[in-house]
C-alpha atoms as a PDB file:
ATOM      1  CA  MET A   1       9.600 222.991  82.629  1.00  0.00           C
ATOM      2  CA  LYS A   2       6.812 224.048  85.061  1.00  0.00           C
ATOM      3  CA  LYS A   3       5.006 220.866  84.067  1.00  0.00           C
ATOM      4  CA  TYR A   4       8.467 218.515  85.366  1.00  0.00           C
ATOM      5  CA  PHE A   5       8.331 220.684  88.258  1.00  0.00           C
ATOM      6  CA  PHE A   6       4.599 219.960  88.897  1.00  0.00           C
ATOM      7  CA  ILE A   7       5.071 215.951  88.128  1.00  0.00           C
ATOM      8  CA  PHE A   8       7.595 215.904  91.383  1.00  0.00           C
ATOM      9  CA  ILE A   9       5.568 218.327  93.574  1.00  0.00           C
ATOM     10  CA  PHE A  10       3.243 215.887  92.736  1.00  0.00           C
ATOM     11  CA  PHE A  11       5.610 212.640  93.632  1.00  0.00           C
ATOM     12  CA  LEU A  12       7.109 214.382  96.566  1.00  0.00           C
ATOM     13  CA  ILE A  13       3.759 214.519  97.921  1.00  0.00           C
ATOM     14  CA  LEU A  14       3.662 211.112  97.092  1.00  0.00           C
ATOM     15  CA  SER A  15       6.757 209.452  98.715  1.00  0.00           C
ATOM     16  CA  LEU A  16       5.783 211.673 101.700  1.00  0.00           C
ATOM     17  CA  GLN A  17       1.972 210.444 102.192  1.00  0.00           C
ATOM     18  CA  ASN A  18       3.940 206.593 101.618  1.00  0.00           C
ATOM     19  CA  LYS A  19       6.394 207.903 104.756  1.00  0.00           C
ATOM     20  CA  ALA A  20       3.714 208.748 107.109  1.00  0.00           C
ATOM     21  CA  PHE A  21       2.003 205.583 107.087  1.00  0.00           C
ATOM     22  CA  SER A  22       4.690 203.478 106.488  1.00  0.00           C
ATOM     23  CA  TYR A  23       3.111 200.929 108.709  1.00  0.00           C
ATOM     24  CA  ASP A  24       0.750 198.175 106.956  1.00  0.00           C
ATOM     25  CA  CYS A  25      -1.091 197.208 109.817  1.00  0.00           C
ATOM     26  CA  LYS A  26      -4.797 195.198 109.587  1.00  0.00           C
ATOM     27  CA  LEU A  27      -6.100 195.265 113.088  1.00  0.00           C
ATOM     28  CA  ASP A  28      -9.647 195.729 111.700  1.00  0.00           C
ATOM     29  CA  LYS A  29     -10.073 192.549 113.856  1.00  0.00           C
ATOM     30  CA  ILE A  30      -9.102 194.399 117.088  1.00  0.00           C
ATOM     31  CA  LYS A  31     -12.180 196.359 117.692  1.00  0.00           C
ATOM     32  CA  ILE A  32     -14.245 196.379 121.120  1.00  0.00           C
ATOM     33  CA  ASP A  33     -17.043 193.470 121.454  1.00  0.00           C
ATOM     34  CA  SER A  34     -15.166 191.252 119.261  1.00  0.00           C
ATOM     35  CA  SER A  35     -14.972 187.411 120.443  1.00  0.00           C
ATOM     36  CA  TYR A  36     -11.481 185.682 121.229  1.00  0.00           C
ATOM     37  CA  GLU A  37     -12.703 183.159 118.519  1.00  0.00           C
ATOM     38  CA  SER A  38     -13.517 186.083 115.487  1.00  0.00           C
ATOM     39  CA  MET A  39      -9.885 187.176 116.099  1.00  0.00           C
ATOM     40  CA  GLU A  40      -8.435 184.465 114.988  1.00  0.00           C
ATOM     41  CA  LEU A  41      -5.208 185.918 116.384  1.00  0.00           C
ATOM     42  CA  SER A  42      -1.491 184.113 115.555  1.00  0.00           C
ATOM     43  CA  LEU A  43       0.016 182.119 117.692  1.00  0.00           C
ATOM     44  CA  MET A  44       2.693 184.003 118.766  1.00  0.00           C
ATOM     45  CA  PHE A  45      -0.178 185.475 121.239  1.00  0.00           C
ATOM     46  CA  MET A  46      -0.451 183.795 124.506  1.00  0.00           C
ATOM     47  CA  VAL A  47      -3.408 183.637 127.240  1.00  0.00           C
ATOM     48  CA  PHE A  48      -1.756 184.484 130.284  1.00  0.00           C
ATOM     49  CA  ASN A  49      -5.103 184.834 132.240  1.00  0.00           C
ATOM     50  CA  ARG A  50      -8.606 183.045 132.373  1.00  0.00           C
ATOM     51  CA  HIS A  51     -11.823 183.650 133.835  1.00  0.00           C
ATOM     52  CA  GLU A  52     -13.362 180.784 136.287  1.00  0.00           C
ATOM     53  CA  ASP A  53     -15.526 179.535 132.965  1.00  0.00           C
ATOM     54  CA  GLY A  54     -12.171 178.414 131.187  1.00  0.00           C
ATOM     55  CA  THR A  55     -12.017 181.462 129.025  1.00  0.00           C
ATOM     56  CA  PRO A  56      -8.885 183.385 127.722  1.00  0.00           C
ATOM     57  CA  ALA A  57      -9.405 186.775 130.308  1.00  0.00           C
ATOM     58  CA  LEU A  58      -5.642 188.268 129.129  1.00  0.00           C
ATOM     59  CA  VAL A  59      -4.268 187.670 125.878  1.00  0.00           C
ATOM     60  CA  ALA A  60      -1.272 189.202 124.836  1.00  0.00           C
ATOM     61  CA  GLY A  61       0.963 189.307 121.625  1.00  0.00           C
ATOM     62  CA  PRO A  62       3.531 191.614 119.562  1.00  0.00           C
ATOM     63  CA  ILE A  63       1.791 194.150 117.332  1.00  0.00           C
ATOM     64  CA  GLU A  64       3.914 192.880 114.425  1.00  0.00           C
ATOM     65  CA  SER A  65       1.457 189.893 113.883  1.00  0.00           C
ATOM     66  CA  PHE A  66      -1.052 192.604 112.424  1.00  0.00           C
ATOM     67  CA  CYS A  67       1.818 194.747 110.856  1.00  0.00           C
ATOM     68  CA  GLU A  68       3.427 193.312 108.055  1.00  0.00           C
ATOM     69  CA  ASP A  69       7.302 195.008 106.914  1.00  0.00           C
ATOM     70  CA  SER A  70       7.290 197.262 109.093  1.00  0.00           C
ATOM     71  CA  ASN A  71      10.057 198.666 111.160  1.00  0.00           C
ATOM     72  CA  GLU A  72       8.096 201.749 112.351  1.00  0.00           C
ATOM     73  CA  THR A  73       5.802 199.539 115.047  1.00  0.00           C
ATOM     74  CA  ASN A  74       8.963 196.733 115.716  1.00  0.00           C
ATOM     75  CA  GLY A  75       8.667 195.557 119.712  1.00  0.00           C
ATOM     76  CA  ALA A  76       4.776 197.150 120.160  1.00  0.00           C
ATOM     77  CA  MET A  77       3.152 195.078 122.359  1.00  0.00           C
ATOM     78  CA  VAL A  78      -0.773 194.230 122.186  1.00  0.00           C
ATOM     79  CA  GLN A  79      -2.517 193.729 125.317  1.00  0.00           C
ATOM     80  CA  LEU A  80      -6.497 192.289 124.732  1.00  0.00           C
ATOM     81  CA  PHE A  81      -8.527 191.968 127.632  1.00  0.00           C
ATOM     82  CA  PHE A  82     -11.714 189.995 127.445  1.00  0.00           C
ATOM     83  CA  ILE A  83     -15.152 189.517 129.634  1.00  0.00           C
ATOM     84  CA  GLU A  84     -18.049 187.411 128.736  1.00  0.00           C
ATOM     85  CA  ASN A  85     -15.527 185.995 125.840  1.00  0.00           C
ATOM     86  CA  LYS A  86     -15.836 189.989 124.432  1.00  0.00           C
ATOM     87  CA  LEU A  87     -13.218 192.477 123.988  1.00  0.00           C
ATOM     88  CA  ALA A  88     -13.311 194.770 126.681  1.00  0.00           C
ATOM     89  CA  ARG A  89      -9.967 196.503 126.185  1.00  0.00           C
ATOM     90  CA  ILE A  90      -7.001 197.047 123.969  1.00  0.00           C
ATOM     91  CA  ILE A  91      -3.169 198.170 124.636  1.00  0.00           C
ATOM     92  CA  PHE A  92      -0.856 199.017 122.843  1.00  0.00           C
ATOM     93  CA  GLU A  93       2.790 199.381 124.086  1.00  0.00           C
ATOM     94  CA  THR A  94       6.355 200.015 123.045  1.00  0.00           C
ATOM     95  CA  SER A  95       9.215 201.667 124.774  1.00  0.00           C
ATOM     96  CA  THR A  96      11.314 200.065 122.166  1.00  0.00           C
ATOM     97  CA  THR A  97      10.637 203.079 119.149  1.00  0.00           C
ATOM     98  CA  ASN A  98      10.244 206.794 119.717  1.00  0.00           C
ATOM     99  CA  ASN A  99       8.459 207.859 116.800  1.00  0.00           C
ATOM    100  CA  ARG A 100       5.040 208.436 117.889  1.00  0.00           C
ATOM    101  CA  VAL A 101       3.458 205.321 115.756  1.00  0.00           C
ATOM    102  CA  LEU A 102       0.949 204.318 118.223  1.00  0.00           C
ATOM    103  CA  PHE A 103      -0.694 208.030 117.929  1.00  0.00           C
ATOM    104  CA  LYS A 104      -0.273 207.645 114.106  1.00  0.00           C
ATOM    105  CA  ILE A 105      -2.853 204.131 115.025  1.00  0.00           C
ATOM    106  CA  ALA A 106      -4.970 205.750 117.337  1.00  0.00           C
ATOM    107  CA  ASN A 107      -5.651 208.561 114.730  1.00  0.00           C
ATOM    108  CA  ASN A 108      -5.430 206.754 111.402  1.00  0.00           C
ATOM    109  CA  PHE A 109      -6.962 203.954 111.916  1.00  0.00           C
ATOM    110  CA  TYR A 110      -9.269 204.343 115.122  1.00  0.00           C
ATOM    111  CA  LYS A 111      -9.898 208.150 113.808  1.00  0.00           C
ATOM    112  CA  VAL A 112      -9.988 208.927 117.749  1.00  0.00           C
ATOM    113  CA  GLY A 113      -9.050 212.620 117.064  1.00  0.00           C
ATOM    114  CA  PHE A 114      -6.058 213.164 119.360  1.00  0.00           C
ATOM    115  CA  ARG A 115      -4.615 216.443 118.878  1.00  0.00           C
ATOM    116  CA  GLN A 116      -1.175 217.137 120.160  1.00  0.00           C
ATOM    117  CA  GLU A 117       0.163 219.488 122.600  1.00  0.00           C
ATOM    118  CA  GLN A 118       2.911 220.867 120.274  1.00  0.00           C
ATOM    119  CA  ILE A 119       4.937 222.729 123.631  1.00  0.00           C
ATOM    120  CA  LYS A 120       5.117 219.693 125.227  1.00  0.00           C
ATOM    121  CA  ILE A 121       6.622 217.952 121.816  1.00  0.00           C
ATOM    122  CA  GLU A 122       8.825 220.564 121.516  1.00  0.00           C
ATOM    123  CA  LYS A 123      10.099 220.586 125.172  1.00  0.00           C
ATOM    124  CA  LYS A 124       9.435 217.062 125.190  1.00  0.00           C
ATOM    125  CA  GLU A 125       7.308 216.959 128.183  1.00  0.00           C
ATOM    126  CA  ASN A 126       5.270 213.785 128.695  1.00  0.00           C
ATOM    127  CA  GLU A 127       1.819 214.085 127.225  1.00  0.00           C
ATOM    128  CA  THR A 128      -1.519 212.476 127.703  1.00  0.00           C
ATOM    129  CA  TYR A 129      -4.869 212.334 125.748  1.00  0.00           C
ATOM    130  CA  THR A 130      -8.108 211.142 126.140  1.00  0.00           C
ATOM    131  CA  VAL A 131     -11.212 210.841 124.105  1.00  0.00           C
ATOM    132  CA  ASN A 132     -14.449 210.002 125.273  1.00  0.00           C
ATOM    133  CA  LYS A 133     -16.002 208.614 121.398  1.00  0.00           C
ATOM    134  CA  GLU A 134     -18.184 206.064 120.146  1.00  0.00           C
ATOM    135  CA  ASP A 135     -18.994 204.000 123.569  1.00  0.00           C
ATOM    136  CA  ASN A 136     -15.293 203.571 124.037  1.00  0.00           C
ATOM    137  CA  LEU A 137     -12.361 205.663 126.032  1.00  0.00           C
ATOM    138  CA  TYR A 138      -9.422 205.993 124.390  1.00  0.00           C
ATOM    139  CA  PHE A 139      -6.439 207.565 126.174  1.00  0.00           C
ATOM    140  CA  TYR A 140      -2.932 208.020 125.056  1.00  0.00           C
ATOM    141  CA  GLY A 141       0.249 208.487 126.856  1.00  0.00           C
ATOM    142  CA  ASN A 142       4.214 209.089 125.707  1.00  0.00           C
ATOM    143  CA  TYR A 143       6.173 209.299 129.083  1.00  0.00           C
ATOM    144  CA  LYS A 144       9.789 210.372 128.506  1.00  0.00           C
ATOM    145  CA  LYS A 145      12.502 210.554 131.636  1.00  0.00           C
ATOM    146  CA  GLU A 146      15.894 210.798 130.016  1.00  0.00           C
ATOM    147  CA  LYS A 147      16.688 208.880 127.592  1.00  0.00           C
ATOM    148  CA  GLU A 148      13.602 206.321 128.271  1.00  0.00           C
ATOM    149  CA  PHE A 149      10.001 206.417 127.149  1.00  0.00           C
ATOM    150  CA  LEU A 150       6.871 204.840 126.953  1.00  0.00           C
ATOM    151  CA  GLU A 151       4.182 205.000 124.448  1.00  0.00           C
ATOM    152  CA  TYR A 152       0.865 203.538 125.641  1.00  0.00           C
ATOM    153  CA  PHE A 153      -2.298 203.283 123.648  1.00  0.00           C
ATOM    154  CA  GLU A 154      -5.923 202.140 125.321  1.00  0.00           C
ATOM    155  CA  ILE A 155      -9.146 201.866 124.317  1.00  0.00           C
ATOM    156  CA  THR A 156     -11.579 200.870 126.802  1.00  0.00           C
ATOM    157  CA  GLY A 157     -15.396 200.087 126.278  1.00  0.00           C
ATOM    158  CA  HIS A 158     -17.324 202.325 128.453  1.00  0.00           C
ATOM    159  CA  LYS A 159     -20.008 198.976 129.060  1.00  0.00           C
ATOM    160  CA  TYR A 160     -17.501 197.376 130.660  1.00  0.00           C
ATOM    161  CA  GLY A 161     -15.443 199.436 132.641  1.00  0.00           C
ATOM    162  CA  GLU A 162     -17.232 198.563 136.284  1.00  0.00           C
ATOM    163  CA  LYS A 163     -16.597 194.915 135.485  1.00  0.00           C
ATOM    164  CA  ILE A 164     -12.823 195.509 134.808  1.00  0.00           C
ATOM    165  CA  ASN A 165     -12.695 197.461 138.023  1.00  0.00           C
ATOM    166  CA  GLN A 166     -14.505 194.930 140.166  1.00  0.00           C
ATOM    167  CA  LEU A 167     -11.885 192.158 138.245  1.00  0.00           C
ATOM    168  CA  LEU A 168      -9.357 193.944 139.563  1.00  0.00           C
ATOM    169  CA  LEU A 169     -10.113 194.280 142.936  1.00  0.00           C
ATOM    170  CA  LYS A 170     -10.577 190.821 143.099  1.00  0.00           C
ATOM    171  CA  GLN A 171      -7.754 189.600 141.620  1.00  0.00           C
ATOM    172  CA  GLU A 172      -5.783 192.070 144.762  1.00  0.00           C
ATOM    173  CA  ASN A 173      -7.931 190.447 147.305  1.00  0.00           C
END
């Protein structure tokens, strides 16, 4: 009887582990400093802005092109900002699935190390976390207002921060 109990516990733990990581995302090409060409983005991604030299500046598309057969990531969008043909900023956002999937991607795939503030989660308050790690700034936000929400995860390469600000100021003028 003890043997069956341990087998049951083993399979229970195994199934919970699979549920915790039920999305299967291949995000290994979405890293700061990757070139536009090396990312081999699917046709679901569109170039929205180009630099003066014609290279892509802003490319956006659904995360589903990287995450196969996952209801957990459905509706999440990815925005990729390029400077000098190198990926400088990555933004993931979703307002369709309130399951903290971007928090999971940040910690499980990118190994950011965000720590949840359980009190804010229980009170359904807005959450924001920031981590500086390995030449990148990682920012996570989970914003809630009544029945609406926005989950947001951003990665910005430190060496591109000033250039991004200059480009944004130039676009405003």
